[in-house]
Amino acid sequence: VTAGYSLMFRDFVANGFNAGGGLN
């Protein structure tokens, strides 16, 4: 499982978050 901070950018910068889970 994972979670953390996200930074989104294009001609702007936006703060965000992310969360999820997976399998290797």
PDB file of all heavy atoms in Angstrom:
ATOM      1  N   VAL A   1       0.870  -1.177   0.000  1.00  0.00           N
ATOM      2  CA  VAL A   1       0.000   0.000   0.000  1.00  0.00           C
ATOM      3  C   VAL A   1       0.903   1.221   0.000  1.00  0.00           C
ATOM      4  O   VAL A   1       2.042   1.162   0.477  1.00  0.00           O
ATOM      5  CB  VAL A   1      -0.987   0.027   1.189  1.00  0.00           C
ATOM      6  CG1 VAL A   1      -1.991  -1.094   1.079  1.00  0.00           C
ATOM      7  CG2 VAL A   1      -0.259  -0.034   2.512  1.00  0.00           C
ATOM      8  N   THR A   2       0.409   2.316  -0.555  1.00  0.00           N
ATOM      9  CA  THR A   2       1.212   3.524  -0.679  1.00  0.00           C
ATOM     10  C   THR A   2       0.334   4.761  -0.550  1.00  0.00           C
ATOM     11  O   THR A   2      -0.856   4.717  -0.863  1.00  0.00           O
ATOM     12  CB  THR A   2       1.968   3.534  -2.038  1.00  0.00           C
ATOM     13  OG1 THR A   2       2.801   4.676  -2.097  1.00  0.00           O
ATOM     14  CG2 THR A   2       1.012   3.525  -3.214  1.00  0.00           C
ATOM     15  N   ALA A   3       0.928   5.837  -0.079  1.00  0.00           N
ATOM     16  CA  ALA A   3       0.227   7.125   0.004  1.00  0.00           C
ATOM     17  C   ALA A   3       1.277   8.222   0.120  1.00  0.00           C
ATOM     18  O   ALA A   3       2.401   7.973   0.556  1.00  0.00           O
ATOM     19  CB  ALA A   3      -0.706   7.165   1.206  1.00  0.00           C
ATOM     20  N   GLY A   4       0.892   9.429  -0.296  1.00  0.00           N
ATOM     21  CA  GLY A   4       1.832  10.533  -0.165  1.00  0.00           C
ATOM     22  C   GLY A   4       1.378  11.806  -0.841  1.00  0.00           C
ATOM     23  O   GLY A   4       0.212  11.972  -1.202  1.00  0.00           O
ATOM     24  N   TYR A   5       2.338  12.675  -1.038  1.00  0.00           N
ATOM     25  CA  TYR A   5       2.143  14.008  -1.609  1.00  0.00           C
ATOM     26  C   TYR A   5       2.291  13.949  -3.128  1.00  0.00           C
ATOM     27  O   TYR A   5       3.176  13.261  -3.638  1.00  0.00           O
ATOM     28  CB  TYR A   5       3.186  14.957  -1.020  1.00  0.00           C
ATOM     29  CG  TYR A   5       3.265  16.293  -1.709  1.00  0.00           C
ATOM     30  CD1 TYR A   5       2.307  17.274  -1.474  1.00  0.00           C
ATOM     31  CD2 TYR A   5       4.289  16.573  -2.606  1.00  0.00           C
ATOM     32  CE1 TYR A   5       2.371  18.505  -2.100  1.00  0.00           C
ATOM     33  CE2 TYR A   5       4.370  17.797  -3.239  1.00  0.00           C
ATOM     34  CZ  TYR A   5       3.409  18.760  -2.982  1.00  0.00           C
ATOM     35  OH  TYR A   5       3.481  19.966  -3.623  1.00  0.00           O
ATOM     36  N   SER A   6       1.454  14.662  -3.844  1.00  0.00           N
ATOM     37  CA  SER A   6       1.559  14.784  -5.298  1.00  0.00           C
ATOM     38  C   SER A   6       1.696  16.240  -5.689  1.00  0.00           C
ATOM     39  O   SER A   6       1.028  17.111  -5.129  1.00  0.00           O
ATOM     40  CB  SER A   6       0.315  14.212  -5.992  1.00  0.00           C
ATOM     41  OG  SER A   6       0.266  12.816  -5.872  1.00  0.00           O
ATOM     42  N   LEU A   7       2.540  16.490  -6.657  1.00  0.00           N
ATOM     43  CA  LEU A   7       2.707  17.809  -7.257  1.00  0.00           C
ATOM     44  C   LEU A   7       2.287  17.682  -8.713  1.00  0.00           C
ATOM     45  O   LEU A   7       2.790  16.818  -9.428  1.00  0.00           O
ATOM     46  CB  LEU A   7       4.169  18.249  -7.167  1.00  0.00           C
ATOM     47  CG  LEU A   7       4.493  19.588  -7.822  1.00  0.00           C
ATOM     48  CD1 LEU A   7       3.987  20.719  -6.928  1.00  0.00           C
ATOM     49  CD2 LEU A   7       5.981  19.712  -8.039  1.00  0.00           C
ATOM     50  N   MET A   8       1.345  18.494  -9.138  1.00  0.00           N
ATOM     51  CA  MET A   8       0.867  18.466 -10.522  1.00  0.00           C
ATOM     52  C   MET A   8       1.271  19.764 -11.186  1.00  0.00           C
ATOM     53  O   MET A   8       1.222  20.825 -10.561  1.00  0.00           O
ATOM     54  CB  MET A   8      -0.644  18.275 -10.553  1.00  0.00           C
ATOM     55  CG  MET A   8      -1.059  16.981  -9.935  1.00  0.00           C
ATOM     56  SD  MET A   8      -2.834  16.801  -9.864  1.00  0.00           S
ATOM     57  CE  MET A   8      -2.939  15.248  -9.025  1.00  0.00           C
ATOM     58  N   PHE A   9       1.672  19.668 -12.451  1.00  0.00           N
ATOM     59  CA  PHE A   9       2.162  20.874 -13.123  1.00  0.00           C
ATOM     60  C   PHE A   9       1.872  20.808 -14.618  1.00  0.00           C
ATOM     61  O   PHE A   9       1.772  19.747 -15.212  1.00  0.00           O
ATOM     62  CB  PHE A   9       3.663  21.066 -12.873  1.00  0.00           C
ATOM     63  CG  PHE A   9       4.511  19.880 -13.187  1.00  0.00           C
ATOM     64  CD1 PHE A   9       5.067  19.706 -14.440  1.00  0.00           C
ATOM     65  CD2 PHE A   9       4.758  18.920 -12.221  1.00  0.00           C
ATOM     66  CE1 PHE A   9       5.852  18.617 -14.728  1.00  0.00           C
ATOM     67  CE2 PHE A   9       5.546  17.812 -12.504  1.00  0.00           C
ATOM     68  CZ  PHE A   9       6.101  17.660 -13.765  1.00  0.00           C
ATOM     69  N   ARG A  10       1.694  21.949 -15.188  1.00  0.00           N
ATOM     70  CA  ARG A  10       1.607  22.196 -16.633  1.00  0.00           C
ATOM     71  C   ARG A  10       1.988  23.649 -16.808  1.00  0.00           C
ATOM     72  O   ARG A  10       3.151  23.983 -16.698  1.00  0.00           O
ATOM     73  CB  ARG A  10       0.210  21.879 -17.169  1.00  0.00           C
ATOM     74  CG  ARG A  10       0.185  21.841 -18.696  1.00  0.00           C
ATOM     75  CD  ARG A  10      -1.167  21.510 -19.274  1.00  0.00           C
ATOM     76  NE  ARG A  10      -2.028  22.672 -19.165  1.00  0.00           N
ATOM     77  CZ  ARG A  10      -3.331  22.624 -18.989  1.00  0.00           C
ATOM     78  NH1 ARG A  10      -3.951  21.485 -18.912  1.00  0.00           N
ATOM     79  NH2 ARG A  10      -4.029  23.711 -18.911  1.00  0.00           N
ATOM     80  N   ASP A  11       1.031  24.525 -17.026  1.00  0.00           N
ATOM     81  CA  ASP A  11       1.306  25.957 -16.989  1.00  0.00           C
ATOM     82  C   ASP A  11       0.874  26.511 -15.630  1.00  0.00           C
ATOM     83  O   ASP A  11       0.627  27.689 -15.461  1.00  0.00           O
ATOM     84  CB  ASP A  11       0.612  26.687 -18.136  1.00  0.00           C
ATOM     85  CG  ASP A  11      -0.872  26.380 -18.217  1.00  0.00           C
ATOM     86  OD1 ASP A  11      -1.356  25.517 -17.440  1.00  0.00           O
ATOM     87  OD2 ASP A  11      -1.558  26.984 -19.047  1.00  0.00           O
ATOM     88  N   PHE A  12       0.777  25.625 -14.648  1.00  0.00           N
ATOM     89  CA  PHE A  12       0.428  25.921 -13.272  1.00  0.00           C
ATOM     90  C   PHE A  12       1.129  24.883 -12.401  1.00  0.00           C
ATOM     91  O   PHE A  12       1.681  23.916 -12.887  1.00  0.00           O
ATOM     92  CB  PHE A  12      -1.090  25.844 -13.057  1.00  0.00           C
ATOM     93  CG  PHE A  12      -1.653  24.481 -13.343  1.00  0.00           C
ATOM     94  CD1 PHE A  12      -1.695  23.505 -12.347  1.00  0.00           C
ATOM     95  CD2 PHE A  12      -2.124  24.153 -14.604  1.00  0.00           C
ATOM     96  CE1 PHE A  12      -2.192  22.238 -12.619  1.00  0.00           C
ATOM     97  CE2 PHE A  12      -2.636  22.896 -14.878  1.00  0.00           C
ATOM     98  CZ  PHE A  12      -2.665  21.935 -13.883  1.00  0.00           C
ATOM     99  N   VAL A  13       1.097  25.089 -11.107  1.00  0.00           N
ATOM    100  CA  VAL A  13       1.584  24.106 -10.145  1.00  0.00           C
ATOM    101  C   VAL A  13       0.472  23.915  -9.121  1.00  0.00           C
ATOM    102  O   VAL A  13      -0.079  24.886  -8.611  1.00  0.00           O
ATOM    103  CB  VAL A  13       2.879  24.578  -9.446  1.00  0.00           C
ATOM    104  CG1 VAL A  13       3.305  23.597  -8.375  1.00  0.00           C
ATOM    105  CG2 VAL A  13       3.988  24.778 -10.453  1.00  0.00           C
ATOM    106  N   ALA A  14       0.126  22.650  -8.837  1.00  0.00           N
ATOM    107  CA  ALA A  14      -0.944  22.353  -7.877  1.00  0.00           C
ATOM    108  C   ALA A  14      -0.466  21.294  -6.889  1.00  0.00           C
ATOM    109  O   ALA A  14       0.231  20.357  -7.261  1.00  0.00           O
ATOM    110  CB  ALA A  14      -2.185  21.850  -8.615  1.00  0.00           C
ATOM    111  N   ASN A  15      -0.854  21.469  -5.645  1.00  0.00           N
ATOM    112  CA  ASN A  15      -0.552  20.490  -4.599  1.00  0.00           C
ATOM    113  C   ASN A  15      -1.670  19.469  -4.539  1.00  0.00           C
ATOM    114  O   ASN A  15      -2.824  19.779  -4.821  1.00  0.00           O
ATOM    115  CB  ASN A  15      -0.429  21.185  -3.239  1.00  0.00           C
ATOM    116  CG  ASN A  15       0.741  22.118  -3.198  1.00  0.00           C
ATOM    117  OD1 ASN A  15       1.859  21.721  -3.524  1.00  0.00           O
ATOM    118  ND2 ASN A  15       0.504  23.360  -2.819  1.00  0.00           N
ATOM    119  N   GLY A  16      -1.318  18.247  -4.131  1.00  0.00           N
ATOM    120  CA  GLY A  16      -2.322  17.210  -4.021  1.00  0.00           C
ATOM    121  C   GLY A  16      -1.855  16.055  -3.171  1.00  0.00           C
ATOM    122  O   GLY A  16      -0.886  16.153  -2.426  1.00  0.00           O
ATOM    123  N   PHE A  17      -2.550  14.957  -3.290  1.00  0.00           N
ATOM    124  CA  PHE A  17      -2.220  13.745  -2.546  1.00  0.00           C
ATOM    125  C   PHE A  17      -2.468  12.549  -3.451  1.00  0.00           C
ATOM    126  O   PHE A  17      -3.085  12.656  -4.511  1.00  0.00           O
ATOM    127  CB  PHE A  17      -3.085  13.634  -1.283  1.00  0.00           C
ATOM    128  CG  PHE A  17      -4.530  13.346  -1.577  1.00  0.00           C
ATOM    129  CD1 PHE A  17      -5.004  12.048  -1.637  1.00  0.00           C
ATOM    130  CD2 PHE A  17      -5.417  14.385  -1.829  1.00  0.00           C
ATOM    131  CE1 PHE A  17      -6.332  11.782  -1.933  1.00  0.00           C
ATOM    132  CE2 PHE A  17      -6.755  14.134  -2.122  1.00  0.00           C
ATOM    133  CZ  PHE A  17      -7.206  12.823  -2.170  1.00  0.00           C
ATOM    134  N   ASN A  18      -1.988  11.393  -3.024  1.00  0.00           N
ATOM    135  CA  ASN A  18      -2.274  10.155  -3.726  1.00  0.00           C
ATOM    136  C   ASN A  18      -2.306   9.015  -2.725  1.00  0.00           C
ATOM    137  O   ASN A  18      -1.688   9.093  -1.662  1.00  0.00           O
ATOM    138  CB  ASN A  18      -1.264   9.895  -4.847  1.00  0.00           C
ATOM    139  CG  ASN A  18       0.096   9.542  -4.324  1.00  0.00           C
ATOM    140  OD1 ASN A  18       0.344   8.397  -3.975  1.00  0.00           O
ATOM    141  ND2 ASN A  18       0.985  10.530  -4.232  1.00  0.00           N
ATOM    142  N   ALA A  19      -3.046   7.969  -3.066  1.00  0.00           N
ATOM    143  CA  ALA A  19      -3.129   6.772  -2.231  1.00  0.00           C
ATOM    144  C   ALA A  19      -3.480   5.601  -3.132  1.00  0.00           C
ATOM    145  O   ALA A  19      -4.149   5.767  -4.152  1.00  0.00           O
ATOM    146  CB  ALA A  19      -4.188   6.944  -1.146  1.00  0.00           C
ATOM    147  N   GLY A  20      -3.011   4.432  -2.759  1.00  0.00           N
ATOM    148  CA  GLY A  20      -3.320   3.256  -3.552  1.00  0.00           C
ATOM    149  C   GLY A  20      -2.670   2.012  -2.997  1.00  0.00           C
ATOM    150  O   GLY A  20      -2.131   2.001  -1.895  1.00  0.00           O
ATOM    151  N   GLY A  21      -2.724   0.993  -3.799  1.00  0.00           N
ATOM    152  CA  GLY A  21      -2.124  -0.275  -3.418  1.00  0.00           C
ATOM    153  C   GLY A  21      -1.911  -1.110  -4.652  1.00  0.00           C
ATOM    154  O   GLY A  21      -2.485  -0.850  -5.715  1.00  0.00           O
ATOM    155  N   GLY A  22      -1.059  -2.103  -4.499  1.00  0.00           N
ATOM    156  CA  GLY A  22      -0.773  -2.929  -5.652  1.00  0.00           C
ATOM    157  C   GLY A  22      -0.061  -4.210  -5.294  1.00  0.00           C
ATOM    158  O   GLY A  22       0.038  -4.593  -4.127  1.00  0.00           O
ATOM    159  N   LEU A  23       0.463  -4.833  -6.343  1.00  0.00           N
ATOM    160  CA  LEU A  23       1.125  -6.119  -6.216  1.00  0.00           C
ATOM    161  C   LEU A  23       2.279  -6.177  -7.197  1.00  0.00           C
ATOM    162  O   LEU A  23       2.110  -5.856  -8.377  1.00  0.00           O
ATOM    163  CB  LEU A  23       0.121  -7.240  -6.533  1.00  0.00           C
ATOM    164  CG  LEU A  23       0.666  -8.653  -6.575  1.00  0.00           C
ATOM    165  CD1 LEU A  23       0.979  -9.132  -5.164  1.00  0.00           C
ATOM    166  CD2 LEU A  23      -0.341  -9.577  -7.222  1.00  0.00           C
ATOM    167  N   ASN A  24       3.439  -6.563  -6.696  1.00  0.00           N
ATOM    168  CA  ASN A  24       4.561  -6.910  -7.562  1.00  0.00           C
ATOM    169  C   ASN A  24       4.606  -8.430  -7.637  1.00  0.00           C
ATOM    170  O   ASN A  24       4.598  -9.096  -6.596  1.00  0.00           O
ATOM    171  CB  ASN A  24       5.896  -6.411  -6.973  1.00  0.00           C
ATOM    172  CG  ASN A  24       5.937  -4.920  -6.820  1.00  0.00           C
ATOM    173  OD1 ASN A  24       5.556  -4.197  -7.716  1.00  0.00           O
ATOM    174  ND2 ASN A  24       6.403  -4.455  -5.674  1.00  0.00           N
TER     175      ASN A  24
END
